Amino acid sequence: MSNLLPLIRNECLKIIKKKRFYVILLILIVLVPMFTYAQMRSAERSREKFNSDWRLEIQQQIIDNQNSLGSDRIPEEWKTYRRIFVQQLQYYLHHDVNPNEPSGVTFTREFMDNSVTLFIPLLIMAVASDLVSAERTTGTIKMLLTRPVKRWKVLFSKMTALLMFVSLIVLSTFAISYFISGLAFGFKGFNIPVFTGFKISGDSLDMSTVHAVPQWKYMLMQGGLIWFVSVVVALLAFMISVLVRSTAASIVVMMAALIAGSILTNMASAWTTAKYLFMVNLGLTSYLSGTPAPIEGMSLSFSMAVLAVWGAASVIISFAVFTKRDILN
């Protein structure tokens, strides 16, 4: 352990010197105000249209979705989603809870829900994709491996530093989103009830296990799932960085996989085998809100198990390749 701490500290300094983390913070500081402004304008239009009565807005959403079910131009899987969405809206309406109560906390919750499958993984990838490949490109890995330190310790220190920054990125995304949106919508809203526990069976929604939790507790569960997804994405990007010599190739491979995942999530309902791909299982937070799974048979425990297998396999492959490969040539 005494040998590992200086190595981990050294790897953290390398990541900081690359200034990738500062770029990520800058991206968040630039984009979050844009999303906040768009949400604020949308909320203003809704208030004007429905005279500040959120019940009228929910009722209109229910009517619009029910009317769309009769259209032949809408795919059947989209109709299934809308039937379930209508049942959820009716549940919120019946229990007199506004699911879109404007606040910094609500904005942060929705922003993180929408970011977990692509935006946050792309931020993670910016740090993870070149931890090893960049040093092979520049040749600094040769100097590192000539020191009397076992290879597995070198790789372990890199992976540990990466996971520390992954946690920091997730935490920073939450903090920046809440602070900036709080300036526009207010910082209250932690105790607003949010319903979770929806169980989906075909086109119907089982509400026997639905229960209300304070929004702060919901966000703790959401944050844990987002962190888990981020760790798996980081480990996969780390493996690609070990396997591929070129930093550019490493980034392209991970970016292609993430974008393909967002496409498959919307199009692969008939391809049941796709549910074993890691990128289709990134939307863990959707299970909390009761959003239908992209492929039948998927559940929170299933998706977490699939991601855990992918993450464990990437760690095994990374260490097996790094400790055996002739890096010095």
C-alpha atoms as a PDB file:
ATOM      1  CA  MET A   1       0.000   0.000   0.000  1.00  0.00           C
ATOM      2  CA  SER A   2       2.893   2.371   0.760  1.00  0.00           C
ATOM      3  CA  ASN A   3       4.067   1.968  -2.845  1.00  0.00           C
ATOM      4  CA  LEU A   4       0.594   2.565  -4.258  1.00  0.00           C
ATOM      5  CA  LEU A   5      -0.178   5.910  -2.618  1.00  0.00           C
ATOM      6  CA  PRO A   6       2.633   7.850  -4.360  1.00  0.00           C
ATOM      7  CA  LEU A   7       1.637   6.215  -7.666  1.00  0.00           C
ATOM      8  CA  ILE A   8      -2.018   7.189  -7.216  1.00  0.00           C
ATOM      9  CA  ARG A   9      -1.010  10.735  -6.267  1.00  0.00           C
ATOM     10  CA  ASN A  10       1.188  10.912  -9.358  1.00  0.00           C
ATOM     11  CA  GLU A  11      -1.649   9.734 -11.621  1.00  0.00           C
ATOM     12  CA  CYS A  12      -4.029  12.292 -10.102  1.00  0.00           C
ATOM     13  CA  LEU A  13      -1.490  15.030 -10.824  1.00  0.00           C
ATOM     14  CA  LYS A  14      -1.190  13.819 -14.423  1.00  0.00           C
ATOM     15  CA  ILE A  15      -4.963  14.058 -14.918  1.00  0.00           C
ATOM     16  CA  ILE A  16      -5.022  17.536 -13.376  1.00  0.00           C
ATOM     17  CA  LYS A  17      -2.115  18.740 -15.545  1.00  0.00           C
ATOM     18  CA  LYS A  18      -3.941  17.618 -18.680  1.00  0.00           C
ATOM     19  CA  LYS A  19      -6.696  20.068 -17.651  1.00  0.00           C
ATOM     20  CA  ARG A  20      -9.386  17.703 -18.951  1.00  0.00           C
ATOM     21  CA  PHE A  21     -11.291  17.993 -15.683  1.00  0.00           C
ATOM     22  CA  TYR A  22     -11.306  21.779 -15.924  1.00  0.00           C
ATOM     23  CA  VAL A  23     -12.623  21.516 -19.469  1.00  0.00           C
ATOM     24  CA  ILE A  24     -15.441  19.289 -18.200  1.00  0.00           C
ATOM     25  CA  LEU A  25     -16.333  21.873 -15.552  1.00  0.00           C
ATOM     26  CA  LEU A  26     -16.291  24.591 -18.215  1.00  0.00           C
ATOM     27  CA  ILE A  27     -18.619  22.542 -20.436  1.00  0.00           C
ATOM     28  CA  LEU A  28     -21.053  22.159 -17.547  1.00  0.00           C
ATOM     29  CA  ILE A  29     -20.877  25.848 -16.652  1.00  0.00           C
ATOM     30  CA  VAL A  30     -21.654  26.771 -20.279  1.00  0.00           C
ATOM     31  CA  LEU A  31     -24.343  24.184 -21.079  1.00  0.00           C
ATOM     32  CA  VAL A  32     -26.337  24.029 -17.834  1.00  0.00           C
ATOM     33  CA  PRO A  33     -27.401  27.711 -18.025  1.00  0.00           C
ATOM     34  CA  MET A  34     -28.620  27.067 -21.580  1.00  0.00           C
ATOM     35  CA  PHE A  35     -30.722  24.109 -20.452  1.00  0.00           C
ATOM     36  CA  THR A  36     -31.946  26.102 -17.450  1.00  0.00           C
ATOM     37  CA  TYR A  37     -33.035  28.989 -19.658  1.00  0.00           C
ATOM     38  CA  ALA A  38     -34.846  26.621 -22.026  1.00  0.00           C
ATOM     39  CA  GLN A  39     -36.642  25.010 -19.070  1.00  0.00           C
ATOM     40  CA  MET A  40     -37.539  28.416 -17.676  1.00  0.00           C
ATOM     41  CA  ARG A  41     -39.038  29.553 -20.981  1.00  0.00           C
ATOM     42  CA  SER A  42     -40.985  26.296 -21.269  1.00  0.00           C
ATOM     43  CA  ALA A  43     -42.358  26.726 -17.742  1.00  0.00           C
ATOM     44  CA  GLU A  44     -43.391  30.322 -18.498  1.00  0.00           C
ATOM     45  CA  ARG A  45     -45.274  29.280 -21.639  1.00  0.00           C
ATOM     46  CA  SER A  46     -47.042  26.515 -19.740  1.00  0.00           C
ATOM     47  CA  ARG A  47     -48.100  28.893 -16.983  1.00  0.00           C
ATOM     48  CA  GLU A  48     -49.448  31.376 -19.527  1.00  0.00           C
ATOM     49  CA  LYS A  49     -51.280  28.700 -21.498  1.00  0.00           C
ATOM     50  CA  PHE A  50     -52.879  26.980 -18.509  1.00  0.00           C
ATOM     51  CA  ASN A  51     -53.244  30.014 -16.207  1.00  0.00           C
ATOM     52  CA  SER A  52     -50.707  28.630 -13.721  1.00  0.00           C
ATOM     53  CA  ASP A  53     -52.871  25.537 -13.120  1.00  0.00           C
ATOM     54  CA  TRP A  54     -50.614  22.499 -13.408  1.00  0.00           C
ATOM     55  CA  ARG A  55     -53.643  20.153 -13.306  1.00  0.00           C
ATOM     56  CA  LEU A  56     -54.878  21.548 -16.618  1.00  0.00           C
ATOM     57  CA  GLU A  57     -51.435  20.944 -18.116  1.00  0.00           C
ATOM     58  CA  ILE A  58     -51.386  17.321 -16.915  1.00  0.00           C
ATOM     59  CA  GLN A  59     -54.932  16.752 -18.196  1.00  0.00           C
ATOM     60  CA  GLN A  60     -53.938  18.146 -21.587  1.00  0.00           C
ATOM     61  CA  GLN A  61     -50.928  15.808 -21.711  1.00  0.00           C
ATOM     62  CA  ILE A  62     -53.203  12.878 -20.942  1.00  0.00           C
ATOM     63  CA  ILE A  63     -55.627  13.879 -23.720  1.00  0.00           C
ATOM     64  CA  ASP A  64     -52.816  14.408 -26.254  1.00  0.00           C
ATOM     65  CA  ASN A  65     -51.257  11.029 -25.531  1.00  0.00           C
ATOM     66  CA  GLN A  66     -54.580   9.213 -25.599  1.00  0.00           C
ATOM     67  CA  ASN A  67     -55.476  10.802 -28.941  1.00  0.00           C
ATOM     68  CA  SER A  68     -52.143   9.747 -30.441  1.00  0.00           C
ATOM     69  CA  LEU A  69     -52.857   6.085 -29.652  1.00  0.00           C
ATOM     70  CA  GLY A  70     -55.306   5.915 -32.554  1.00  0.00           C
ATOM     71  CA  SER A  71     -52.706   6.939 -35.132  1.00  0.00           C
ATOM     72  CA  ASP A  72     -51.369   4.224 -37.460  1.00  0.00           C
ATOM     73  CA  ARG A  73     -48.178   6.219 -38.021  1.00  0.00           C
ATOM     74  CA  ILE A  74     -46.943   5.688 -34.456  1.00  0.00           C
ATOM     75  CA  PRO A  75     -44.977   2.437 -33.845  1.00  0.00           C
ATOM     76  CA  GLU A  76     -46.539  -0.008 -31.410  1.00  0.00           C
ATOM     77  CA  GLU A  77     -43.644   0.234 -28.926  1.00  0.00           C
ATOM     78  CA  TRP A  78     -44.179   4.006 -28.747  1.00  0.00           C
ATOM     79  CA  LYS A  79     -47.873   3.432 -28.107  1.00  0.00           C
ATOM     80  CA  THR A  80     -46.955   1.114 -25.240  1.00  0.00           C
ATOM     81  CA  TYR A  81     -44.817   3.847 -23.720  1.00  0.00           C
ATOM     82  CA  ARG A  82     -47.602   6.412 -24.068  1.00  0.00           C
ATOM     83  CA  ARG A  83     -50.202   4.116 -22.471  1.00  0.00           C
ATOM     84  CA  ILE A  84     -47.921   3.696 -19.472  1.00  0.00           C
ATOM     85  CA  PHE A  85     -47.143   7.418 -19.406  1.00  0.00           C
ATOM     86  CA  VAL A  86     -50.868   8.213 -19.328  1.00  0.00           C
ATOM     87  CA  GLN A  87     -51.368   5.901 -16.347  1.00  0.00           C
ATOM     88  CA  GLN A  88     -48.502   7.601 -14.526  1.00  0.00           C
ATOM     89  CA  LEU A  89     -49.933  11.061 -15.180  1.00  0.00           C
ATOM     90  CA  GLN A  90     -53.335   9.934 -13.969  1.00  0.00           C
ATOM     91  CA  TYR A  91     -51.713   8.607 -10.791  1.00  0.00           C
ATOM     92  CA  TYR A  92     -49.980  11.929 -10.115  1.00  0.00           C
ATOM     93  CA  LEU A  93     -53.191  13.811 -10.840  1.00  0.00           C
ATOM     94  CA  HIS A  94     -55.209  11.575  -8.528  1.00  0.00           C
ATOM     95  CA  HIS A  95     -52.717  12.100  -5.693  1.00  0.00           C
ATOM     96  CA  ASP A  96     -52.559  15.874  -6.294  1.00  0.00           C
ATOM     97  CA  VAL A  97     -48.796  15.931  -6.932  1.00  0.00           C
ATOM     98  CA  ASN A  98     -47.256  18.083  -9.647  1.00  0.00           C
ATOM     99  CA  PRO A  99     -44.458  15.940 -11.192  1.00  0.00           C
ATOM    100  CA  ASN A 100     -42.990  19.022 -12.881  1.00  0.00           C
ATOM    101  CA  GLU A 101     -42.944  21.403  -9.929  1.00  0.00           C
ATOM    102  CA  PRO A 102     -40.331  23.980 -11.017  1.00  0.00           C
ATOM    103  CA  SER A 103     -37.351  24.126  -8.654  1.00  0.00           C
ATOM    104  CA  GLY A 104     -33.608  23.735  -8.754  1.00  0.00           C
ATOM    105  CA  VAL A 105     -33.952  20.251  -7.280  1.00  0.00           C
ATOM    106  CA  THR A 106     -36.525  19.122  -9.862  1.00  0.00           C
ATOM    107  CA  PHE A 107     -34.445  20.527 -12.713  1.00  0.00           C
ATOM    108  CA  THR A 108     -31.351  18.716 -11.411  1.00  0.00           C
ATOM    109  CA  ARG A 109     -33.246  15.444 -11.110  1.00  0.00           C
ATOM    110  CA  GLU A 110     -34.592  15.663 -14.661  1.00  0.00           C
ATOM    111  CA  PHE A 111     -31.259  16.852 -16.057  1.00  0.00           C
ATOM    112  CA  MET A 112     -29.408  13.913 -14.511  1.00  0.00           C
ATOM    113  CA  ASP A 113     -32.083  11.497 -15.779  1.00  0.00           C
ATOM    114  CA  ASN A 114     -31.573  12.779 -19.328  1.00  0.00           C
ATOM    115  CA  SER A 115     -27.759  12.818 -19.029  1.00  0.00           C
ATOM    116  CA  VAL A 116     -27.059   9.326 -17.715  1.00  0.00           C
ATOM    117  CA  THR A 117     -27.053   7.490 -21.066  1.00  0.00           C
ATOM    118  CA  LEU A 118     -24.909   9.832 -23.176  1.00  0.00           C
ATOM    119  CA  PHE A 119     -23.876  13.217 -21.769  1.00  0.00           C
ATOM    120  CA  ILE A 120     -22.247  12.041 -18.523  1.00  0.00           C
ATOM    121  CA  PRO A 121     -20.588   9.011 -20.212  1.00  0.00           C
ATOM    122  CA  LEU A 122     -19.072  11.395 -22.765  1.00  0.00           C
ATOM    123  CA  LEU A 123     -17.679  13.531 -19.948  1.00  0.00           C
ATOM    124  CA  ILE A 124     -16.240  10.407 -18.298  1.00  0.00           C
ATOM    125  CA  MET A 125     -14.762   9.289 -21.603  1.00  0.00           C
ATOM    126  CA  ALA A 126     -12.852  12.569 -21.926  1.00  0.00           C
ATOM    127  CA  VAL A 127     -10.802  11.583 -18.888  1.00  0.00           C
ATOM    128  CA  ALA A 128     -10.685   7.792 -19.229  1.00  0.00           C
ATOM    129  CA  SER A 129      -9.986   7.173 -22.904  1.00  0.00           C
ATOM    130  CA  ASP A 130      -6.298   8.117 -22.972  1.00  0.00           C
ATOM    131  CA  LEU A 131      -4.914   7.241 -19.539  1.00  0.00           C
ATOM    132  CA  VAL A 132      -2.748   4.472 -21.000  1.00  0.00           C
ATOM    133  CA  SER A 133      -2.813   5.036 -24.758  1.00  0.00           C
ATOM    134  CA  ALA A 134      -1.584   8.638 -24.429  1.00  0.00           C
ATOM    135  CA  GLU A 135       1.453   7.525 -22.441  1.00  0.00           C
ATOM    136  CA  ARG A 136       2.234   4.871 -25.022  1.00  0.00           C
ATOM    137  CA  THR A 137       1.963   7.474 -27.778  1.00  0.00           C
ATOM    138  CA  THR A 138       4.326   9.892 -26.022  1.00  0.00           C
ATOM    139  CA  GLY A 139       6.617   7.153 -24.768  1.00  0.00           C
ATOM    140  CA  THR A 140       6.348   8.092 -21.074  1.00  0.00           C
ATOM    141  CA  ILE A 141       5.036   4.621 -20.255  1.00  0.00           C
ATOM    142  CA  LYS A 142       8.520   3.230 -20.964  1.00  0.00           C
ATOM    143  CA  MET A 143      10.053   5.464 -18.303  1.00  0.00           C
ATOM    144  CA  LEU A 144       7.357   4.476 -15.832  1.00  0.00           C
ATOM    145  CA  LEU A 145       7.818   0.732 -16.357  1.00  0.00           C
ATOM    146  CA  THR A 146      11.589   0.896 -15.959  1.00  0.00           C
ATOM    147  CA  ARG A 147      11.082   1.759 -12.293  1.00  0.00           C
ATOM    148  CA  PRO A 148      11.109  -1.143  -9.772  1.00  0.00           C
ATOM    149  CA  VAL A 149       7.319  -1.238  -9.529  1.00  0.00           C
ATOM    150  CA  LYS A 150       5.107  -4.135 -10.538  1.00  0.00           C
ATOM    151  CA  ARG A 151       2.994  -3.533 -13.619  1.00  0.00           C
ATOM    152  CA  TRP A 152      -0.267  -4.350 -11.889  1.00  0.00           C
ATOM    153  CA  LYS A 153       0.449  -1.610  -9.342  1.00  0.00           C
ATOM    154  CA  VAL A 154       1.029   0.907 -12.135  1.00  0.00           C
ATOM    155  CA  LEU A 155      -2.277   0.010 -13.767  1.00  0.00           C
ATOM    156  CA  PHE A 156      -4.110  -0.165 -10.439  1.00  0.00           C
ATOM    157  CA  SER A 157      -2.944   3.346  -9.548  1.00  0.00           C
ATOM    158  CA  LYS A 158      -4.237   4.652 -12.886  1.00  0.00           C
ATOM    159  CA  MET A 159      -7.594   2.946 -12.418  1.00  0.00           C
ATOM    160  CA  THR A 160      -7.929   4.209  -8.834  1.00  0.00           C
ATOM    161  CA  ALA A 161      -7.168   7.789  -9.890  1.00  0.00           C
ATOM    162  CA  LEU A 162      -9.718   7.429 -12.685  1.00  0.00           C
ATOM    163  CA  LEU A 163     -12.465   6.250 -10.327  1.00  0.00           C
ATOM    164  CA  MET A 164     -11.713   9.166  -7.991  1.00  0.00           C
ATOM    165  CA  PHE A 165     -12.207  11.626 -10.853  1.00  0.00           C
ATOM    166  CA  VAL A 166     -15.325   9.780 -12.031  1.00  0.00           C
ATOM    167  CA  SER A 167     -16.855  10.342  -8.595  1.00  0.00           C
ATOM    168  CA  LEU A 168     -15.768  13.986  -8.734  1.00  0.00           C
ATOM    169  CA  ILE A 169     -17.339  14.474 -12.183  1.00  0.00           C
ATOM    170  CA  VAL A 170     -20.681  13.005 -11.090  1.00  0.00           C
ATOM    171  CA  LEU A 171     -20.677  15.109  -7.925  1.00  0.00           C
ATOM    172  CA  SER A 172     -19.702  18.247  -9.879  1.00  0.00           C
ATOM    173  CA  THR A 173     -22.509  17.667 -12.386  1.00  0.00           C
ATOM    174  CA  PHE A 174     -25.051  17.468  -9.571  1.00  0.00           C
ATOM    175  CA  ALA A 175     -23.631  20.518  -7.787  1.00  0.00           C
ATOM    176  CA  ILE A 176     -23.349  22.772 -10.852  1.00  0.00           C
ATOM    177  CA  SER A 177     -26.817  21.793 -12.105  1.00  0.00           C
ATOM    178  CA  TYR A 178     -28.402  22.489  -8.731  1.00  0.00           C
ATOM    179  CA  PHE A 179     -26.596  25.782  -8.135  1.00  0.00           C
ATOM    180  CA  ILE A 180     -27.253  27.287 -11.578  1.00  0.00           C
ATOM    181  CA  SER A 181     -30.858  26.088 -11.853  1.00  0.00           C
ATOM    182  CA  GLY A 182     -31.452  27.142  -8.252  1.00  0.00           C
ATOM    183  CA  LEU A 183     -30.627  30.721  -9.204  1.00  0.00           C
ATOM    184  CA  ALA A 184     -33.489  30.589 -11.724  1.00  0.00           C
ATOM    185  CA  PHE A 185     -36.074  28.400  -9.967  1.00  0.00           C
ATOM    186  CA  GLY A 186     -35.115  28.646  -6.304  1.00  0.00           C
ATOM    187  CA  PHE A 187     -33.180  26.230  -4.126  1.00  0.00           C
ATOM    188  CA  LYS A 188     -36.204  24.663  -2.401  1.00  0.00           C
ATOM    189  CA  GLY A 189     -37.846  21.406  -3.392  1.00  0.00           C
ATOM    190  CA  PHE A 190     -35.967  18.690  -1.504  1.00  0.00           C
ATOM    191  CA  ASN A 191     -39.107  17.549   0.334  1.00  0.00           C
ATOM    192  CA  ILE A 192     -41.430  17.518  -2.682  1.00  0.00           C
ATOM    193  CA  PRO A 193     -42.823  13.943  -2.972  1.00  0.00           C
ATOM    194  CA  VAL A 194     -41.771  11.855  -5.954  1.00  0.00           C
ATOM    195  CA  PHE A 195     -43.438   8.532  -6.732  1.00  0.00           C
ATOM    196  CA  THR A 196     -41.334   5.472  -7.431  1.00  0.00           C
ATOM    197  CA  GLY A 197     -41.887   1.713  -7.456  1.00  0.00           C
ATOM    198  CA  PHE A 198     -43.856   1.505 -10.706  1.00  0.00           C
ATOM    199  CA  LYS A 199     -43.923  -2.034 -12.126  1.00  0.00           C
ATOM    200  CA  ILE A 200     -44.608  -2.459 -15.822  1.00  0.00           C
ATOM    201  CA  SER A 201     -46.464  -5.475 -17.182  1.00  0.00           C
ATOM    202  CA  GLY A 202     -47.105  -5.263 -20.904  1.00  0.00           C
ATOM    203  CA  ASP A 203     -49.202  -2.161 -21.551  1.00  0.00           C
ATOM    204  CA  SER A 204     -50.347  -1.801 -17.957  1.00  0.00           C
ATOM    205  CA  LEU A 205     -48.754  -0.298 -14.889  1.00  0.00           C
ATOM    206  CA  ASP A 206     -48.792  -2.150 -11.583  1.00  0.00           C
ATOM    207  CA  MET A 207     -49.172   0.515  -8.906  1.00  0.00           C
ATOM    208  CA  SER A 208     -49.451  -1.777  -5.887  1.00  0.00           C
ATOM    209  CA  THR A 209     -45.841  -1.078  -4.895  1.00  0.00           C
ATOM    210  CA  VAL A 210     -45.820   2.643  -5.759  1.00  0.00           C
ATOM    211  CA  HIS A 211     -44.811   4.856  -2.861  1.00  0.00           C
ATOM    212  CA  ALA A 212     -43.852   8.481  -2.401  1.00  0.00           C
ATOM    213  CA  VAL A 213     -40.352   9.461  -1.294  1.00  0.00           C
ATOM    214  CA  PRO A 214     -38.948  12.947  -0.668  1.00  0.00           C
ATOM    215  CA  GLN A 215     -37.116  14.280  -3.677  1.00  0.00           C
ATOM    216  CA  TRP A 216     -33.800  14.330  -1.770  1.00  0.00           C
ATOM    217  CA  LYS A 217     -34.070  10.587  -1.100  1.00  0.00           C
ATOM    218  CA  TYR A 218     -34.996   9.942  -4.734  1.00  0.00           C
ATOM    219  CA  MET A 219     -31.916  11.905  -5.824  1.00  0.00           C
ATOM    220  CA  LEU A 220     -29.675   9.855  -3.532  1.00  0.00           C
ATOM    221  CA  MET A 221     -30.921   6.682  -5.241  1.00  0.00           C
ATOM    222  CA  GLN A 222     -30.545   8.361  -8.620  1.00  0.00           C
ATOM    223  CA  GLY A 223     -27.007   9.513  -7.787  1.00  0.00           C
ATOM    224  CA  GLY A 224     -25.962   6.010  -6.761  1.00  0.00           C
ATOM    225  CA  LEU A 225     -27.214   4.536 -10.043  1.00  0.00           C
ATOM    226  CA  ILE A 226     -25.553   7.290 -12.092  1.00  0.00           C
ATOM    227  CA  TRP A 227     -22.264   6.719 -10.259  1.00  0.00           C
ATOM    228  CA  PHE A 228     -22.491   2.990 -10.970  1.00  0.00           C
ATOM    229  CA  VAL A 229     -23.100   3.634 -14.683  1.00  0.00           C
ATOM    230  CA  SER A 230     -20.220   6.117 -14.765  1.00  0.00           C
ATOM    231  CA  VAL A 231     -17.821   3.633 -13.167  1.00  0.00           C
ATOM    232  CA  VAL A 232     -18.695   0.930 -15.713  1.00  0.00           C
ATOM    233  CA  VAL A 233     -18.273   3.357 -18.627  1.00  0.00           C
ATOM    234  CA  ALA A 234     -14.938   4.510 -17.166  1.00  0.00           C
ATOM    235  CA  LEU A 235     -13.677   0.921 -16.800  1.00  0.00           C
ATOM    236  CA  LEU A 236     -14.672   0.108 -20.394  1.00  0.00           C
ATOM    237  CA  ALA A 237     -12.951   3.255 -21.712  1.00  0.00           C
ATOM    238  CA  PHE A 238      -9.936   2.362 -19.583  1.00  0.00           C
ATOM    239  CA  MET A 239      -9.811  -1.111 -21.168  1.00  0.00           C
ATOM    240  CA  ILE A 240      -9.951   0.385 -24.664  1.00  0.00           C
ATOM    241  CA  SER A 241      -7.106   2.703 -23.682  1.00  0.00           C
ATOM    242  CA  VAL A 242      -5.046  -0.346 -22.705  1.00  0.00           C
ATOM    243  CA  LEU A 243      -5.882  -2.303 -25.851  1.00  0.00           C
ATOM    244  CA  VAL A 244      -5.467   0.496 -28.414  1.00  0.00           C
ATOM    245  CA  ARG A 245      -2.234   2.382 -28.989  1.00  0.00           C
ATOM    246  CA  SER A 246      -3.822   5.507 -30.440  1.00  0.00           C
ATOM    247  CA  THR A 247      -5.669   7.967 -28.213  1.00  0.00           C
ATOM    248  CA  ALA A 248      -7.827   9.076 -31.144  1.00  0.00           C
ATOM    249  CA  ALA A 249      -8.829   5.483 -31.898  1.00  0.00           C
ATOM    250  CA  SER A 250      -9.674   4.901 -28.224  1.00  0.00           C
ATOM    251  CA  ILE A 251     -11.952   7.944 -28.123  1.00  0.00           C
ATOM    252  CA  VAL A 252     -13.644   7.059 -31.425  1.00  0.00           C
ATOM    253  CA  VAL A 253     -14.370   3.480 -30.305  1.00  0.00           C
ATOM    254  CA  MET A 254     -16.010   4.578 -27.060  1.00  0.00           C
ATOM    255  CA  MET A 255     -17.907   7.431 -28.690  1.00  0.00           C
ATOM    256  CA  ALA A 256     -19.246   5.113 -31.389  1.00  0.00           C
ATOM    257  CA  ALA A 257     -20.366   2.596 -28.753  1.00  0.00           C
ATOM    258  CA  LEU A 258     -22.201   5.251 -26.703  1.00  0.00           C
ATOM    259  CA  ILE A 259     -23.944   6.786 -29.708  1.00  0.00           C
ATOM    260  CA  ALA A 260     -24.879   3.335 -31.009  1.00  0.00           C
ATOM    261  CA  GLY A 261     -26.375   2.606 -27.594  1.00  0.00           C
ATOM    262  CA  SER A 262     -28.669   5.628 -27.723  1.00  0.00           C
ATOM    263  CA  ILE A 263     -29.810   4.553 -31.197  1.00  0.00           C
ATOM    264  CA  LEU A 264     -30.342   0.914 -30.203  1.00  0.00           C
ATOM    265  CA  THR A 265     -32.336   1.966 -27.142  1.00  0.00           C
ATOM    266  CA  ASN A 266     -34.940   3.507 -29.454  1.00  0.00           C
ATOM    267  CA  MET A 267     -34.827   0.921 -32.246  1.00  0.00           C
ATOM    268  CA  ALA A 268     -33.893  -2.484 -30.811  1.00  0.00           C
ATOM    269  CA  SER A 269     -37.172  -3.517 -29.172  1.00  0.00           C
ATOM    270  CA  ALA A 270     -37.471  -6.502 -31.536  1.00  0.00           C
ATOM    271  CA  TRP A 271     -33.816  -7.558 -31.152  1.00  0.00           C
ATOM    272  CA  THR A 272     -33.954  -9.148 -27.713  1.00  0.00           C
ATOM    273  CA  THR A 273     -30.266 -10.168 -27.700  1.00  0.00           C
ATOM    274  CA  ALA A 274     -29.323  -6.468 -27.647  1.00  0.00           C
ATOM    275  CA  LYS A 275     -30.317  -6.326 -23.984  1.00  0.00           C
ATOM    276  CA  TYR A 276     -26.955  -7.923 -23.142  1.00  0.00           C
ATOM    277  CA  LEU A 277     -25.018  -4.982 -24.626  1.00  0.00           C
ATOM    278  CA  PHE A 278     -23.718  -2.564 -22.016  1.00  0.00           C
ATOM    279  CA  MET A 279     -24.812   0.609 -23.841  1.00  0.00           C
ATOM    280  CA  VAL A 280     -28.476  -0.469 -23.893  1.00  0.00           C
ATOM    281  CA  ASN A 281     -28.437  -0.827 -20.096  1.00  0.00           C
ATOM    282  CA  LEU A 282     -27.054   2.587 -19.181  1.00  0.00           C
ATOM    283  CA  GLY A 283     -30.435   4.176 -18.401  1.00  0.00           C
ATOM    284  CA  LEU A 284     -30.729   2.780 -14.875  1.00  0.00           C
ATOM    285  CA  THR A 285     -32.522   5.838 -13.520  1.00  0.00           C
ATOM    286  CA  SER A 286     -35.470   5.208 -15.862  1.00  0.00           C
ATOM    287  CA  TYR A 287     -36.438   2.231 -13.696  1.00  0.00           C
ATOM    288  CA  LEU A 288     -36.950   4.569 -10.725  1.00  0.00           C
ATOM    289  CA  SER A 289     -39.443   6.727 -12.616  1.00  0.00           C
ATOM    290  CA  GLY A 290     -41.272   3.789 -14.196  1.00  0.00           C
ATOM    291  CA  THR A 291     -40.182   4.393 -17.787  1.00  0.00           C
ATOM    292  CA  PRO A 292     -40.658   1.224 -19.893  1.00  0.00           C
ATOM    293  CA  ALA A 293     -37.483  -0.740 -20.590  1.00  0.00           C
ATOM    294  CA  PRO A 294     -36.268  -0.539 -24.204  1.00  0.00           C
ATOM    295  CA  ILE A 295     -36.413  -4.338 -24.554  1.00  0.00           C
ATOM    296  CA  GLU A 296     -38.837  -6.749 -22.911  1.00  0.00           C
ATOM    297  CA  GLY A 297     -37.310  -8.721 -20.055  1.00  0.00           C
ATOM    298  CA  MET A 298     -35.049  -5.931 -18.826  1.00  0.00           C
ATOM    299  CA  SER A 299     -35.272  -4.750 -15.221  1.00  0.00           C
ATOM    300  CA  LEU A 300     -33.144  -2.776 -12.784  1.00  0.00           C
ATOM    301  CA  SER A 301     -31.482  -5.883 -11.354  1.00  0.00           C
ATOM    302  CA  PHE A 302     -30.934  -7.306 -14.850  1.00  0.00           C
ATOM    303  CA  SER A 303     -29.337  -4.115 -16.170  1.00  0.00           C
ATOM    304  CA  MET A 304     -27.115  -3.741 -13.112  1.00  0.00           C
ATOM    305  CA  ALA A 305     -25.994  -7.370 -13.434  1.00  0.00           C
ATOM    306  CA  VAL A 306     -25.188  -6.903 -17.143  1.00  0.00           C
ATOM    307  CA  LEU A 307     -23.200  -3.730 -16.435  1.00  0.00           C
ATOM    308  CA  ALA A 308     -21.394  -5.406 -13.541  1.00  0.00           C
ATOM    309  CA  VAL A 309     -20.315  -8.267 -15.814  1.00  0.00           C
ATOM    310  CA  TRP A 310     -19.075  -5.838 -18.473  1.00  0.00           C
ATOM    311  CA  GLY A 311     -17.208  -3.811 -15.846  1.00  0.00           C
ATOM    312  CA  ALA A 312     -15.584  -6.874 -14.250  1.00  0.00           C
ATOM    313  CA  ALA A 313     -14.612  -8.271 -17.666  1.00  0.00           C
ATOM    314  CA  SER A 314     -13.011  -4.967 -18.662  1.00  0.00           C
ATOM    315  CA  VAL A 315     -10.916  -4.923 -15.476  1.00  0.00           C
ATOM    316  CA  ILE A 316      -9.753  -8.521 -16.026  1.00  0.00           C
ATOM    317  CA  ILE A 317      -8.862  -7.872 -19.668  1.00  0.00           C
ATOM    318  CA  SER A 318      -7.072  -4.620 -18.826  1.00  0.00           C
ATOM    319  CA  PHE A 319      -4.813  -6.219 -16.213  1.00  0.00           C
ATOM    320  CA  ALA A 320      -4.227  -9.383 -18.271  1.00  0.00           C
ATOM    321  CA  VAL A 321      -3.150  -7.413 -21.355  1.00  0.00           C
ATOM    322  CA  PHE A 322      -1.139  -4.721 -19.553  1.00  0.00           C
ATOM    323  CA  THR A 323       0.869  -7.160 -17.435  1.00  0.00           C
ATOM    324  CA  LYS A 324       1.696  -9.480 -20.352  1.00  0.00           C
ATOM    325  CA  ARG A 325       2.036  -7.198 -23.381  1.00  0.00           C
ATOM    326  CA  ASP A 326       5.434  -5.948 -24.504  1.00  0.00           C
ATOM    327  CA  ILE A 327       4.752  -2.271 -23.848  1.00  0.00           C
ATOM    328  CA  LEU A 328       8.370  -1.215 -24.209  1.00  0.00           C
ATOM    329  CA  ASN A 329       8.486  -1.838 -27.965  1.00  0.00           C
END
